[in-house]
Amino acid sequence: MDPLIVRWDRTVIHRNPADPDDPTIVCCLTEDGQPVALLLNDEHREALGLQLVDPDPAN
């Protein structure tokens, strides 16, 4: 089975930034325009942010 390819639609929804258990929603779209939501808790949001800033942790 091929992975579902989605693209970020440049929307991020912070439900309640004061509550680390309340996820951040990264809104995406499939190739045919269907909406997809990537839910990130506080730990995952930080990990993804670090990967985007510095993809090589050895540096």
Protein backbone atom coordinates (compact mmCIF):
# COMPACT_ATOMS: atom_id res chain seq x y z
CA MET A 1 0.00 0.00 0.00
CA ASP A 2 1.37 3.41 -0.97
CA PRO A 3 1.53 6.12 1.68
CA LEU A 4 -1.06 8.89 1.57
CA ILE A 5 0.63 12.03 0.28
CA VAL A 6 -0.57 15.25 1.86
CA ARG A 7 0.60 18.85 1.65
CA TRP A 8 0.44 21.45 4.39
CA ASP A 9 -2.17 24.10 3.59
CA ARG A 10 -0.32 26.68 5.74
CA THR A 11 -2.88 26.51 8.54
CA VAL A 12 -2.00 25.63 12.13
CA ILE A 13 -4.64 25.63 14.86
CA HIS A 14 -3.56 25.98 18.48
CA ARG A 15 -6.55 24.84 20.51
CA ASN A 16 -5.24 25.79 23.94
CA PRO A 17 -1.50 26.55 24.14
CA ALA A 18 -1.64 26.59 27.95
CA ASP A 19 -2.65 22.90 28.00
CA PRO A 20 0.16 20.61 26.72
CA ASP A 21 -2.32 17.73 26.38
CA ASP A 22 -4.49 19.73 23.96
CA PRO A 23 -3.00 19.07 20.51
CA THR A 24 -1.91 21.51 17.87
CA ILE A 25 -3.64 20.76 14.56
CA VAL A 26 -1.60 21.02 11.36
CA CYS A 27 -4.07 21.24 8.48
CA CYS A 28 -3.14 19.43 5.26
CA LEU A 29 -4.77 18.45 1.97
CA THR A 30 -4.51 15.26 -0.05
CA GLU A 31 -3.62 15.41 -3.74
CA ASP A 32 -7.35 15.43 -4.58
CA GLY A 33 -8.14 18.20 -2.06
CA GLN A 34 -9.47 16.15 0.87
CA PRO A 35 -8.67 17.67 4.29
CA VAL A 36 -6.33 15.83 6.66
CA ALA A 37 -5.42 16.86 10.20
CA LEU A 38 -2.06 16.07 11.80
CA LEU A 39 -2.43 16.23 15.59
CA LEU A 40 0.72 17.10 17.53
CA ASN A 41 1.02 17.11 21.29
CA ASP A 42 3.55 19.43 22.95
CA GLU A 43 6.39 16.86 22.72
CA HIS A 44 5.74 16.00 19.06
CA ARG A 45 5.37 19.67 18.09
CA GLU A 46 8.76 20.45 19.61
CA ALA A 47 10.39 17.39 17.99
CA LEU A 48 9.00 18.27 14.56
CA GLY A 49 10.09 21.89 14.96
CA LEU A 50 13.62 20.82 15.80
CA GLN A 51 13.74 18.49 12.79
CA LEU A 52 12.65 21.30 10.50
CA VAL A 53 15.26 23.71 11.91
CA ASP A 54 18.17 21.24 12.12
CA PRO A 55 17.54 17.91 10.35
CA ASP A 56 21.02 16.61 11.26
CA PRO A 57 21.22 16.29 15.09
CA ALA A 58 24.97 15.54 14.83
CA ASN A 59 25.64 19.19 13.92
